[in-house]
Amino acid sequence: MLLPPESGAAHVASRGGASGGEAGLCFCLLNLGLPTLPPEEVRPEAGAASGEVQGPGPGLSPEEQRARERKQKKERKKEEKQRLREAGLRAAQHVPSQPAKPSGAQLALDYLHSWAQKLESWRFQKTRQTWLLLHMYDRDKVPDEKFPTLLAYLEGLQGGARELTVQKAEALMRELDEAGAGGPDALLAEKTRRVRQVLQLLS
């Protein structure tokens, strides 16, 4: 049953008054026989219908978007620094910090080579000569191809160095004879051959 307009208006007025839009809405609802809602419950829908912003939707606000971009930028910088550190470590592992120093054996053999080639840079060095005299019977220290050059070098020995070299060679020869240098041991046989050559040269 439809209520007269006065009743609808009176009803709205008795609810504490309403705006013209709200009154019209209540009036229409009354004429259709539908239950009416209090103005407080109608107000949000009216706001949405009028196009008012109700708050951020499912997307990000500009402030949130900027904060997210800043965070992503920081993460990218952190990852880049980590990659650079790892690359630096790998490079350090493959590149030696200092070049390897030549061994005493290499220095002595280079000294002998410079003497043989009569290079202007050659200078007498007692340390290199001592090493050669100490290891000249060891083919692992002085290779076979270097030994003839060493013999030529020994021809120039004079004074106490020459006498001492002969004495050591004679003592070593006796030891080798007692050890049976003529036997099947190739290393002893090679050492004996070198000692004999030195003795023949210097005696």
N, C-alpha and C. Protein backbone atom coordinates (compact mmCIF):
# COMPACT_ATOMS: atom_id res chain seq x y z
N MET A 1 0.86 -1.17 0.00
CA MET A 1 0.00 0.00 0.00
C MET A 1 0.90 1.22 0.00
N LEU A 2 0.61 2.20 -0.84
CA LEU A 2 1.40 3.42 -0.93
C LEU A 2 0.98 4.39 0.14
N LEU A 3 1.97 5.01 0.72
CA LEU A 3 1.69 6.02 1.74
C LEU A 3 1.61 7.38 1.07
N PRO A 4 0.83 8.24 1.60
CA PRO A 4 0.75 9.59 1.03
C PRO A 4 2.08 10.30 1.19
N PRO A 5 2.35 11.22 0.29
CA PRO A 5 3.61 11.94 0.34
C PRO A 5 3.86 12.61 1.66
N GLU A 6 2.81 13.11 2.26
CA GLU A 6 3.00 13.80 3.53
C GLU A 6 3.58 12.87 4.57
N SER A 7 3.10 11.58 4.53
CA SER A 7 3.59 10.63 5.52
C SER A 7 5.08 10.40 5.34
N GLY A 8 5.55 10.25 4.05
CA GLY A 8 6.97 10.03 3.80
C GLY A 8 7.78 11.22 4.24
N ALA A 9 7.30 12.40 3.92
CA ALA A 9 8.02 13.60 4.32
C ALA A 9 8.07 13.72 5.81
N ALA A 10 6.89 13.39 6.44
CA ALA A 10 6.85 13.46 7.90
C ALA A 10 7.79 12.46 8.52
N HIS A 11 7.90 11.29 7.88
CA HIS A 11 8.80 10.25 8.39
C HIS A 11 10.24 10.72 8.35
N VAL A 12 10.64 11.33 7.21
CA VAL A 12 12.01 11.82 7.09
C VAL A 12 12.25 12.92 8.09
N ALA A 13 11.25 13.81 8.24
CA ALA A 13 11.43 14.92 9.17
C ALA A 13 11.58 14.42 10.59
N SER A 14 10.83 13.33 10.92
CA SER A 14 10.91 12.80 12.28
C SER A 14 12.24 12.14 12.53
N ARG A 15 13.03 11.80 11.46
CA ARG A 15 14.33 11.14 11.65
C ARG A 15 15.44 12.16 11.87
N GLY A 16 15.05 13.37 11.96
CA GLY A 16 16.06 14.39 12.26
C GLY A 16 16.39 15.24 11.08
N GLY A 17 15.64 15.11 10.01
CA GLY A 17 15.88 15.96 8.84
C GLY A 17 16.90 15.33 7.92
N ALA A 18 16.83 15.66 6.62
CA ALA A 18 17.77 15.12 5.63
C ALA A 18 17.90 16.10 4.50
N SER A 19 18.87 15.88 3.69
CA SER A 19 19.04 16.74 2.52
C SER A 19 17.95 16.45 1.53
N GLY A 20 17.84 17.31 0.52
CA GLY A 20 16.78 17.13 -0.48
C GLY A 20 16.91 15.84 -1.21
N GLY A 21 18.15 15.40 -1.54
CA GLY A 21 18.35 14.14 -2.26
C GLY A 21 17.93 12.97 -1.42
N GLU A 22 18.32 12.99 -0.15
CA GLU A 22 17.96 11.89 0.73
C GLU A 22 16.45 11.84 0.93
N ALA A 23 15.83 13.00 1.04
CA ALA A 23 14.36 13.03 1.23
C ALA A 23 13.66 12.45 0.03
N GLY A 24 14.14 12.84 -1.17
CA GLY A 24 13.51 12.32 -2.39
C GLY A 24 13.67 10.82 -2.48
N LEU A 25 14.85 10.31 -2.09
CA LEU A 25 15.10 8.87 -2.13
C LEU A 25 14.17 8.15 -1.18
N CYS A 26 14.03 8.67 0.00
CA CYS A 26 13.12 8.02 0.95
C CYS A 26 11.68 8.06 0.46
N PHE A 27 11.32 9.16 -0.16
CA PHE A 27 9.96 9.29 -0.66
C PHE A 27 9.68 8.25 -1.72
N CYS A 28 10.69 8.06 -2.63
CA CYS A 28 10.49 7.05 -3.68
C CYS A 28 10.39 5.66 -3.10
N LEU A 29 11.21 5.36 -2.12
CA LEU A 29 11.17 4.05 -1.51
C LEU A 29 9.83 3.81 -0.83
N LEU A 30 9.31 4.84 -0.23
CA LEU A 30 8.02 4.68 0.43
C LEU A 30 6.91 4.42 -0.57
N ASN A 31 6.93 5.13 -1.69
CA ASN A 31 5.90 4.94 -2.70
C ASN A 31 5.97 3.57 -3.33
N LEU A 32 7.18 2.97 -3.35
CA LEU A 32 7.30 1.63 -3.94
C LEU A 32 7.00 0.55 -2.93
N GLY A 33 6.79 0.91 -1.73
CA GLY A 33 6.51 -0.09 -0.71
C GLY A 33 7.74 -0.80 -0.22
N LEU A 34 8.97 -0.20 -0.43
CA LEU A 34 10.21 -0.82 0.00
C LEU A 34 10.62 -0.26 1.34
N PRO A 35 11.34 -1.04 2.10
CA PRO A 35 11.78 -0.54 3.42
C PRO A 35 12.83 0.54 3.22
N THR A 36 12.76 1.52 4.03
CA THR A 36 13.72 2.62 3.94
C THR A 36 14.86 2.39 4.90
N LEU A 37 16.04 2.98 4.57
CA LEU A 37 17.22 2.89 5.41
C LEU A 37 17.46 4.22 6.09
N PRO A 38 18.05 4.19 7.21
CA PRO A 38 18.38 5.46 7.87
C PRO A 38 19.32 6.26 6.99
N PRO A 39 19.29 7.56 7.09
CA PRO A 39 20.16 8.41 6.25
C PRO A 39 21.63 8.09 6.42
N GLU A 40 22.06 7.64 7.64
CA GLU A 40 23.47 7.33 7.85
C GLU A 40 23.93 6.19 6.95
N GLU A 41 23.03 5.21 6.69
CA GLU A 41 23.40 4.06 5.88
C GLU A 41 23.32 4.38 4.40
N VAL A 42 22.52 5.38 4.04
CA VAL A 42 22.39 5.76 2.63
C VAL A 42 23.58 6.62 2.20
N ARG A 43 24.17 7.35 3.16
CA ARG A 43 25.18 8.35 2.85
C ARG A 43 26.40 7.80 2.11
N PRO A 44 26.99 6.63 2.47
CA PRO A 44 28.14 6.14 1.71
C PRO A 44 27.83 5.90 0.26
N GLU A 45 26.64 5.32 -0.01
CA GLU A 45 26.29 5.06 -1.39
C GLU A 45 26.13 6.36 -2.15
N ALA A 46 25.59 7.34 -1.48
CA ALA A 46 25.43 8.64 -2.15
C ALA A 46 26.78 9.22 -2.48
N GLY A 47 27.75 9.05 -1.57
CA GLY A 47 29.10 9.55 -1.83
C GLY A 47 29.73 8.85 -3.00
N ALA A 48 29.56 7.54 -3.10
CA ALA A 48 30.12 6.78 -4.21
C ALA A 48 29.48 7.19 -5.51
N ALA A 49 28.14 7.45 -5.45
CA ALA A 49 27.44 7.84 -6.67
C ALA A 49 27.88 9.21 -7.13
N SER A 50 28.26 10.08 -6.23
CA SER A 50 28.67 11.42 -6.61
C SER A 50 30.11 11.49 -7.08
N GLY A 51 30.83 10.33 -7.04
CA GLY A 51 32.18 10.27 -7.56
C GLY A 51 33.24 10.62 -6.55
N GLU A 52 32.96 10.65 -5.26
CA GLU A 52 33.95 10.96 -4.26
C GLU A 52 34.92 9.78 -4.11
N VAL A 53 36.23 10.07 -3.87
CA VAL A 53 37.24 9.04 -3.70
C VAL A 53 37.08 8.41 -2.33
N GLN A 54 36.99 7.08 -2.31
CA GLN A 54 36.78 6.36 -1.07
C GLN A 54 38.08 5.84 -0.46
N GLY A 55 39.23 6.11 -1.08
CA GLY A 55 40.50 5.57 -0.57
C GLY A 55 41.23 4.85 -1.68
N PRO A 56 42.43 4.42 -1.46
CA PRO A 56 43.22 3.75 -2.49
C PRO A 56 42.59 2.44 -2.91
N GLY A 57 42.62 2.18 -4.18
CA GLY A 57 42.08 0.94 -4.71
C GLY A 57 43.11 -0.16 -4.63
N PRO A 58 42.92 -1.19 -5.47
CA PRO A 58 43.88 -2.31 -5.43
C PRO A 58 45.28 -1.92 -5.89
N GLY A 59 45.46 -0.84 -6.73
CA GLY A 59 46.77 -0.40 -7.18
C GLY A 59 47.50 0.35 -6.07
N LEU A 60 48.81 0.68 -6.35
CA LEU A 60 49.61 1.40 -5.37
C LEU A 60 49.46 2.89 -5.57
N SER A 61 49.50 3.61 -4.47
CA SER A 61 49.46 5.06 -4.55
C SER A 61 50.80 5.57 -5.06
N PRO A 62 50.90 6.81 -5.51
CA PRO A 62 52.19 7.33 -6.00
C PRO A 62 53.29 7.24 -4.94
N GLU A 63 52.96 7.52 -3.68
CA GLU A 63 53.97 7.43 -2.62
C GLU A 63 54.47 6.01 -2.44
N GLU A 64 53.52 5.04 -2.45
CA GLU A 64 53.90 3.64 -2.30
C GLU A 64 54.73 3.18 -3.50
N GLN A 65 54.38 3.67 -4.70
CA GLN A 65 55.13 3.30 -5.90
C GLN A 65 56.56 3.81 -5.84
N ARG A 66 56.73 5.08 -5.38
CA ARG A 66 58.07 5.63 -5.25
C ARG A 66 58.89 4.87 -4.21
N ALA A 67 58.26 4.52 -3.09
CA ALA A 67 58.96 3.76 -2.05
C ALA A 67 59.40 2.39 -2.58
N ARG A 68 58.53 1.77 -3.37
CA ARG A 68 58.86 0.47 -3.93
C ARG A 68 60.02 0.58 -4.92
N GLU A 69 60.03 1.63 -5.74
CA GLU A 69 61.12 1.82 -6.70
C GLU A 69 62.44 2.08 -5.99
N ARG A 70 62.40 2.87 -4.91
CA ARG A 70 63.63 3.12 -4.15
C ARG A 70 64.18 1.82 -3.57
N LYS A 71 63.32 0.98 -3.05
CA LYS A 71 63.74 -0.29 -2.47
C LYS A 71 64.36 -1.19 -3.54
N GLN A 72 63.73 -1.25 -4.72
CA GLN A 72 64.27 -2.07 -5.80
C GLN A 72 65.63 -1.56 -6.28
N LYS A 73 65.78 -0.21 -6.29
CA LYS A 73 67.05 0.37 -6.71
C LYS A 73 68.16 0.01 -5.73
N LYS A 74 67.87 0.05 -4.44
CA LYS A 74 68.85 -0.32 -3.42
C LYS A 74 69.24 -1.79 -3.57
N GLU A 75 68.25 -2.65 -3.82
CA GLU A 75 68.55 -4.08 -3.97
C GLU A 75 69.43 -4.33 -5.19
N ARG A 76 69.16 -3.59 -6.29
CA ARG A 76 69.98 -3.76 -7.49
C ARG A 76 71.43 -3.32 -7.24
N LYS A 77 71.60 -2.19 -6.52
CA LYS A 77 72.95 -1.73 -6.20
C LYS A 77 73.68 -2.74 -5.33
N LYS A 78 72.97 -3.32 -4.36
CA LYS A 78 73.58 -4.31 -3.48
C LYS A 78 74.02 -5.53 -4.26
N GLU A 79 73.18 -6.00 -5.19
CA GLU A 79 73.54 -7.16 -6.00
C GLU A 79 74.74 -6.85 -6.90
N GLU A 80 74.79 -5.62 -7.45
CA GLU A 80 75.90 -5.24 -8.32
C GLU A 80 77.20 -5.20 -7.54
N LYS A 81 77.19 -4.66 -6.32
CA LYS A 81 78.38 -4.64 -5.48
C LYS A 81 78.86 -6.05 -5.16
N GLN A 82 77.90 -6.96 -4.89
CA GLN A 82 78.26 -8.34 -4.60
C GLN A 82 78.93 -9.00 -5.80
N ARG A 83 78.40 -8.73 -7.00
CA ARG A 83 79.00 -9.30 -8.22
C ARG A 83 80.42 -8.77 -8.44
N LEU A 84 80.61 -7.47 -8.18
CA LEU A 84 81.93 -6.88 -8.35
C LEU A 84 82.93 -7.47 -7.36
N ARG A 85 82.48 -7.68 -6.10
CA ARG A 85 83.36 -8.28 -5.11
C ARG A 85 83.77 -9.69 -5.52
N GLU A 86 82.80 -10.48 -6.00
CA GLU A 86 83.11 -11.85 -6.41
C GLU A 86 84.05 -11.85 -7.62
N ALA A 87 83.82 -10.92 -8.56
CA ALA A 87 84.70 -10.85 -9.73
C ALA A 87 86.11 -10.46 -9.32
N GLY A 88 86.22 -9.55 -8.35
CA GLY A 88 87.53 -9.15 -7.86
C GLY A 88 88.26 -10.29 -7.18
N LEU A 89 87.54 -11.10 -6.43
CA LEU A 89 88.16 -12.24 -5.76
C LEU A 89 88.65 -13.26 -6.77
N ARG A 90 87.83 -13.51 -7.80
CA ARG A 90 88.25 -14.47 -8.82
C ARG A 90 89.49 -13.97 -9.56
N ALA A 91 89.52 -12.67 -9.85
CA ALA A 91 90.67 -12.12 -10.54
C ALA A 91 91.93 -12.22 -9.68
N ALA A 92 91.76 -11.97 -8.39
CA ALA A 92 92.91 -12.04 -7.48
C ALA A 92 93.46 -13.46 -7.37
N GLN A 93 92.59 -14.45 -7.49
CA GLN A 93 93.04 -15.84 -7.40
C GLN A 93 93.84 -16.26 -8.62
N HIS A 94 93.56 -15.64 -9.79
CA HIS A 94 94.23 -16.03 -11.02
C HIS A 94 95.48 -15.21 -11.31
N VAL A 95 95.60 -14.04 -10.69
CA VAL A 95 96.76 -13.18 -10.95
C VAL A 95 97.67 -13.21 -9.73
N PRO A 96 98.91 -13.66 -9.88
CA PRO A 96 99.81 -13.69 -8.72
C PRO A 96 100.13 -12.27 -8.27
N SER A 97 100.22 -12.09 -6.96
CA SER A 97 100.46 -10.76 -6.41
C SER A 97 101.87 -10.28 -6.76
N GLN A 98 102.86 -11.17 -6.78
CA GLN A 98 104.22 -10.82 -7.12
C GLN A 98 104.81 -11.90 -8.02
N PRO A 99 105.65 -11.51 -8.97
CA PRO A 99 106.28 -12.52 -9.82
C PRO A 99 107.20 -13.40 -8.99
N ALA A 100 107.26 -14.67 -9.35
CA ALA A 100 108.09 -15.62 -8.62
C ALA A 100 109.57 -15.29 -8.82
N LYS A 101 110.31 -15.32 -7.73
CA LYS A 101 111.74 -15.03 -7.81
C LYS A 101 112.48 -16.25 -8.36
N PRO A 102 113.50 -16.03 -9.19
CA PRO A 102 114.26 -17.18 -9.71
C PRO A 102 115.02 -17.88 -8.59
N SER A 103 115.16 -19.18 -8.73
CA SER A 103 115.85 -19.96 -7.71
C SER A 103 117.35 -19.75 -7.79
N GLY A 104 118.04 -20.22 -6.75
CA GLY A 104 119.50 -20.13 -6.74
C GLY A 104 120.12 -20.89 -7.89
N ALA A 105 119.52 -22.05 -8.22
CA ALA A 105 120.03 -22.85 -9.34
C ALA A 105 119.92 -22.08 -10.65
N GLN A 106 118.76 -21.44 -10.86
CA GLN A 106 118.56 -20.69 -12.10
C GLN A 106 119.51 -19.51 -12.20
N LEU A 107 119.72 -18.83 -11.09
CA LEU A 107 120.64 -17.70 -11.08
C LEU A 107 122.07 -18.14 -11.41
N ALA A 108 122.48 -19.27 -10.84
CA ALA A 108 123.84 -19.77 -11.09
C ALA A 108 124.01 -20.19 -12.54
N LEU A 109 123.01 -20.87 -13.10
CA LEU A 109 123.10 -21.29 -14.51
C LEU A 109 123.06 -20.09 -15.45
N ASP A 110 122.28 -19.07 -15.09
CA ASP A 110 122.27 -17.84 -15.91
C ASP A 110 123.64 -17.15 -15.85
N TYR A 111 124.25 -17.20 -14.68
CA TYR A 111 125.60 -16.64 -14.50
C TYR A 111 126.60 -17.35 -15.41
N LEU A 112 126.50 -18.68 -15.44
CA LEU A 112 127.40 -19.47 -16.29
C LEU A 112 127.15 -19.18 -17.77
N HIS A 113 125.89 -19.05 -18.14
CA HIS A 113 125.55 -18.76 -19.53
C HIS A 113 126.09 -17.38 -19.95
N SER A 114 125.94 -16.40 -19.08
CA SER A 114 126.45 -15.06 -19.39
C SER A 114 127.96 -15.07 -19.57
N TRP A 115 128.66 -15.87 -18.75
CA TRP A 115 130.12 -15.98 -18.89
C TRP A 115 130.48 -16.60 -20.24
N ALA A 116 129.77 -17.66 -20.62
CA ALA A 116 130.06 -18.36 -21.87
C ALA A 116 129.80 -17.47 -23.08
N GLN A 117 128.78 -16.63 -23.00
CA GLN A 117 128.43 -15.75 -24.12
C GLN A 117 129.26 -14.47 -24.12
N LYS A 118 130.12 -14.33 -23.09
CA LYS A 118 130.97 -13.14 -22.96
C LYS A 118 130.13 -11.85 -23.01
N LEU A 119 129.06 -11.89 -22.29
CA LEU A 119 128.19 -10.72 -22.23
C LEU A 119 128.82 -9.61 -21.39
N GLU A 120 128.57 -8.38 -21.80
CA GLU A 120 129.12 -7.24 -21.07
C GLU A 120 128.54 -7.14 -19.66
N SER A 121 127.34 -7.70 -19.49
CA SER A 121 126.70 -7.61 -18.18
C SER A 121 127.27 -8.61 -17.17
N TRP A 122 128.15 -9.53 -17.65
CA TRP A 122 128.69 -10.54 -16.73
C TRP A 122 129.69 -9.93 -15.78
N ARG A 123 129.55 -10.27 -14.52
CA ARG A 123 130.48 -9.85 -13.48
C ARG A 123 130.72 -11.05 -12.58
N PHE A 124 131.97 -11.18 -12.09
CA PHE A 124 132.26 -12.29 -11.19
C PHE A 124 131.43 -12.18 -9.92
N GLN A 125 130.81 -13.33 -9.56
CA GLN A 125 130.01 -13.38 -8.33
C GLN A 125 130.40 -14.65 -7.57
N LYS A 126 131.00 -14.44 -6.43
CA LYS A 126 131.48 -15.57 -5.63
C LYS A 126 130.35 -16.51 -5.23
N THR A 127 129.18 -15.94 -4.93
CA THR A 127 128.04 -16.78 -4.51
C THR A 127 127.63 -17.74 -5.62
N ARG A 128 127.58 -17.25 -6.87
CA ARG A 128 127.19 -18.10 -8.00
C ARG A 128 128.27 -19.17 -8.27
N GLN A 129 129.52 -18.78 -8.17
CA GLN A 129 130.61 -19.75 -8.39
C GLN A 129 130.60 -20.84 -7.32
N THR A 130 130.36 -20.44 -6.07
CA THR A 130 130.31 -21.42 -4.99
C THR A 130 129.19 -22.43 -5.21
N TRP A 131 128.04 -21.94 -5.66
CA TRP A 131 126.92 -22.86 -5.93
C TRP A 131 127.30 -23.85 -7.03
N LEU A 132 127.92 -23.39 -8.09
CA LEU A 132 128.31 -24.27 -9.19
C LEU A 132 129.31 -25.32 -8.74
N LEU A 133 130.30 -24.92 -7.95
CA LEU A 133 131.31 -25.87 -7.46
C LEU A 133 130.69 -26.90 -6.51
N LEU A 134 129.69 -26.48 -5.77
CA LEU A 134 129.06 -27.38 -4.81
C LEU A 134 128.16 -28.41 -5.48
N HIS A 135 127.51 -28.05 -6.59
CA HIS A 135 126.51 -28.93 -7.22
C HIS A 135 126.92 -29.43 -8.60
N MET A 136 128.19 -29.23 -9.00
CA MET A 136 128.55 -29.56 -10.38
C MET A 136 128.55 -31.06 -10.67
N TYR A 137 128.56 -31.89 -9.66
CA TYR A 137 128.54 -33.34 -9.90
C TYR A 137 127.11 -33.90 -9.93
N ASP A 138 126.13 -33.07 -9.66
CA ASP A 138 124.72 -33.51 -9.63
C ASP A 138 124.06 -33.12 -10.95
N ARG A 139 123.72 -34.13 -11.74
CA ARG A 139 123.14 -33.84 -13.05
C ARG A 139 121.75 -33.23 -12.95
N ASP A 140 121.07 -33.41 -11.80
CA ASP A 140 119.76 -32.78 -11.62
C ASP A 140 119.89 -31.27 -11.41
N LYS A 141 121.02 -30.86 -10.83
CA LYS A 141 121.25 -29.43 -10.58
C LYS A 141 121.95 -28.77 -11.78
N VAL A 142 122.93 -29.46 -12.33
CA VAL A 142 123.65 -28.96 -13.51
C VAL A 142 123.42 -29.96 -14.64
N PRO A 143 122.52 -29.68 -15.57
CA PRO A 143 122.20 -30.63 -16.65
C PRO A 143 123.42 -30.98 -17.50
N ASP A 144 123.32 -32.12 -18.17
CA ASP A 144 124.44 -32.60 -18.98
C ASP A 144 124.88 -31.57 -20.03
N GLU A 145 123.91 -30.86 -20.63
CA GLU A 145 124.27 -29.90 -21.68
C GLU A 145 125.01 -28.68 -21.13
N LYS A 146 124.92 -28.46 -19.80
CA LYS A 146 125.62 -27.32 -19.20
C LYS A 146 127.02 -27.71 -18.66
N PHE A 147 127.24 -28.99 -18.49
CA PHE A 147 128.49 -29.42 -17.84
C PHE A 147 129.75 -29.07 -18.66
N PRO A 148 129.76 -29.24 -19.99
CA PRO A 148 130.96 -28.83 -20.75
C PRO A 148 131.28 -27.35 -20.56
N THR A 149 130.25 -26.50 -20.49
CA THR A 149 130.49 -25.07 -20.26
C THR A 149 131.11 -24.86 -18.89
N LEU A 150 130.64 -25.64 -17.90
CA LEU A 150 131.18 -25.52 -16.54
C LEU A 150 132.65 -25.94 -16.51
N LEU A 151 132.98 -26.98 -17.25
CA LEU A 151 134.39 -27.41 -17.31
C LEU A 151 135.27 -26.28 -17.89
N ALA A 152 134.77 -25.63 -18.92
CA ALA A 152 135.53 -24.51 -19.51
C ALA A 152 135.69 -23.39 -18.49
N TYR A 153 134.66 -23.18 -17.69
CA TYR A 153 134.73 -22.14 -16.65
C TYR A 153 135.77 -22.50 -15.60
N LEU A 154 135.84 -23.82 -15.25
CA LEU A 154 136.76 -24.27 -14.20
C LEU A 154 138.22 -24.09 -14.60
N GLU A 155 138.51 -24.04 -15.91
CA GLU A 155 139.90 -23.85 -16.35
C GLU A 155 140.46 -22.52 -15.85
N GLY A 156 139.59 -21.58 -15.59
CA GLY A 156 140.05 -20.28 -15.14
C GLY A 156 140.22 -20.17 -13.64
N LEU A 157 139.93 -21.25 -12.92
CA LEU A 157 140.10 -21.21 -11.46
C LEU A 157 141.57 -21.04 -11.10
N GLN A 158 141.83 -20.24 -10.09
CA GLN A 158 143.20 -20.01 -9.69
C GLN A 158 143.31 -20.04 -8.17
N GLY A 159 144.53 -20.21 -7.69
CA GLY A 159 144.82 -20.09 -6.27
C GLY A 159 144.07 -21.09 -5.42
N GLY A 160 143.59 -20.59 -4.27
CA GLY A 160 142.94 -21.45 -3.29
C GLY A 160 141.68 -22.12 -3.81
N ALA A 161 140.93 -21.46 -4.67
CA ALA A 161 139.71 -22.04 -5.21
C ALA A 161 140.03 -23.27 -6.05
N ARG A 162 141.12 -23.20 -6.82
CA ARG A 162 141.50 -24.35 -7.66
C ARG A 162 141.96 -25.52 -6.79
N GLU A 163 142.82 -25.25 -5.82
CA GLU A 163 143.33 -26.30 -4.95
C GLU A 163 142.21 -26.96 -4.16
N LEU A 164 141.28 -26.16 -3.63
CA LEU A 164 140.17 -26.71 -2.84
C LEU A 164 139.27 -27.58 -3.70
N THR A 165 139.06 -27.17 -4.94
CA THR A 165 138.22 -27.96 -5.84
C THR A 165 138.87 -29.31 -6.13
N VAL A 166 140.16 -29.33 -6.32
CA VAL A 166 140.87 -30.59 -6.58
C VAL A 166 140.81 -31.50 -5.35
N GLN A 167 141.04 -30.95 -4.17
CA GLN A 167 140.99 -31.76 -2.94
C GLN A 167 139.61 -32.40 -2.75
N LYS A 168 138.56 -31.63 -2.97
CA LYS A 168 137.20 -32.17 -2.81
C LYS A 168 136.92 -33.25 -3.86
N ALA A 169 137.41 -33.05 -5.05
CA ALA A 169 137.19 -34.04 -6.12
C ALA A 169 137.90 -35.35 -5.79
N GLU A 170 139.12 -35.26 -5.27
CA GLU A 170 139.86 -36.48 -4.92
C GLU A 170 139.17 -37.22 -3.78
N ALA A 171 138.67 -36.50 -2.77
CA ALA A 171 137.97 -37.14 -1.64
C ALA A 171 136.68 -37.80 -2.13
N LEU A 172 135.97 -37.13 -3.01
CA LEU A 172 134.73 -37.69 -3.53
C LEU A 172 135.01 -38.92 -4.38
N MET A 173 136.12 -38.91 -5.09
CA MET A 173 136.47 -40.06 -5.93
C MET A 173 136.71 -41.29 -5.07
N ARG A 174 137.39 -41.10 -3.94
CA ARG A 174 137.63 -42.23 -3.03
C ARG A 174 136.30 -42.78 -2.50
N GLU A 175 135.40 -41.90 -2.14
CA GLU A 175 134.09 -42.34 -1.62
C GLU A 175 133.33 -43.14 -2.67
N LEU A 176 133.37 -42.69 -3.89
CA LEU A 176 132.66 -43.37 -4.97
C LEU A 176 133.27 -44.74 -5.25
N ASP A 177 134.58 -44.83 -5.18
CA ASP A 177 135.23 -46.12 -5.39
C ASP A 177 134.83 -47.12 -4.31
N GLU A 178 134.76 -46.64 -3.07
CA GLU A 178 134.35 -47.52 -1.97
C GLU A 178 132.88 -47.93 -2.09
N ALA A 179 132.06 -47.03 -2.65
CA ALA A 179 130.63 -47.33 -2.81
C ALA A 179 130.36 -48.21 -4.01
N GLY A 180 131.38 -48.49 -4.79
CA GLY A 180 131.20 -49.36 -5.95
C GLY A 180 130.58 -48.61 -7.11
N ALA A 181 131.23 -47.50 -7.51
CA ALA A 181 130.69 -46.68 -8.60
C ALA A 181 130.66 -47.42 -9.92
N GLY A 182 131.46 -48.47 -10.05
CA GLY A 182 131.47 -49.21 -11.31
C GLY A 182 130.30 -50.16 -11.46
N GLY A 183 129.41 -50.19 -10.46
CA GLY A 183 128.27 -51.09 -10.48
C GLY A 183 127.15 -50.59 -11.37
N PRO A 184 125.95 -51.18 -11.18
CA PRO A 184 124.82 -50.87 -12.06
C PRO A 184 124.13 -49.52 -11.77
N ASP A 185 124.53 -48.84 -10.69
CA ASP A 185 123.87 -47.57 -10.35
C ASP A 185 124.29 -46.49 -11.34
N ALA A 186 123.36 -46.05 -12.18
CA ALA A 186 123.68 -45.07 -13.23
C ALA A 186 124.04 -43.71 -12.65
N LEU A 187 123.39 -43.33 -11.56
CA LEU A 187 123.66 -42.02 -10.97
C LEU A 187 125.09 -41.95 -10.43
N LEU A 188 125.51 -43.02 -9.73
CA LEU A 188 126.88 -43.05 -9.22
C LEU A 188 127.89 -43.06 -10.36
N ALA A 189 127.57 -43.79 -11.40
CA ALA A 189 128.49 -43.86 -12.54
C ALA A 189 128.64 -42.49 -13.21
N GLU A 190 127.54 -41.75 -13.33
CA GLU A 190 127.60 -40.43 -13.94
C GLU A 190 128.39 -39.46 -13.06
N LYS A 191 128.19 -39.54 -11.77
CA LYS A 191 128.93 -38.66 -10.86
C LYS A 191 130.42 -38.97 -10.93
N THR A 192 130.76 -40.25 -10.99
CA THR A 192 132.18 -40.65 -11.08
C THR A 192 132.81 -40.10 -12.36
N ARG A 193 132.07 -40.19 -13.45
CA ARG A 193 132.59 -39.68 -14.73
C ARG A 193 132.89 -38.19 -14.65
N ARG A 194 132.00 -37.44 -13.99
CA ARG A 194 132.20 -36.00 -13.88
C ARG A 194 133.41 -35.67 -12.99
N VAL A 195 133.55 -36.42 -11.89
CA VAL A 195 134.67 -36.17 -10.99
C VAL A 195 135.99 -36.41 -11.72
N ARG A 196 136.07 -37.46 -12.50
CA ARG A 196 137.30 -37.77 -13.25
C ARG A 196 137.63 -36.66 -14.25
N GLN A 197 136.58 -36.13 -14.88
CA GLN A 197 136.82 -35.05 -15.84
C GLN A 197 137.38 -33.80 -15.16
N VAL A 198 136.85 -33.52 -13.98
CA VAL A 198 137.33 -32.35 -13.24
C VAL A 198 138.78 -32.55 -12.81
N LEU A 199 139.08 -33.75 -12.33
CA LEU A 199 140.45 -34.03 -11.90
C LEU A 199 141.44 -33.97 -13.07
N GLN A 200 141.04 -34.49 -14.20
CA GLN A 200 141.92 -34.43 -15.38
C GLN A 200 142.15 -32.99 -15.82
N LEU A 201 141.13 -32.17 -15.66
CA LEU A 201 141.24 -30.78 -16.09
C LEU A 201 142.13 -29.95 -15.17
N LEU A 202 141.98 -30.16 -13.86
CA LEU A 202 142.63 -29.29 -12.88
C LEU A 202 143.95 -29.84 -12.35
N SER A 203 144.21 -31.11 -12.51
CA SER A 203 145.43 -31.70 -11.94
C SER A 203 146.65 -31.40 -12.81
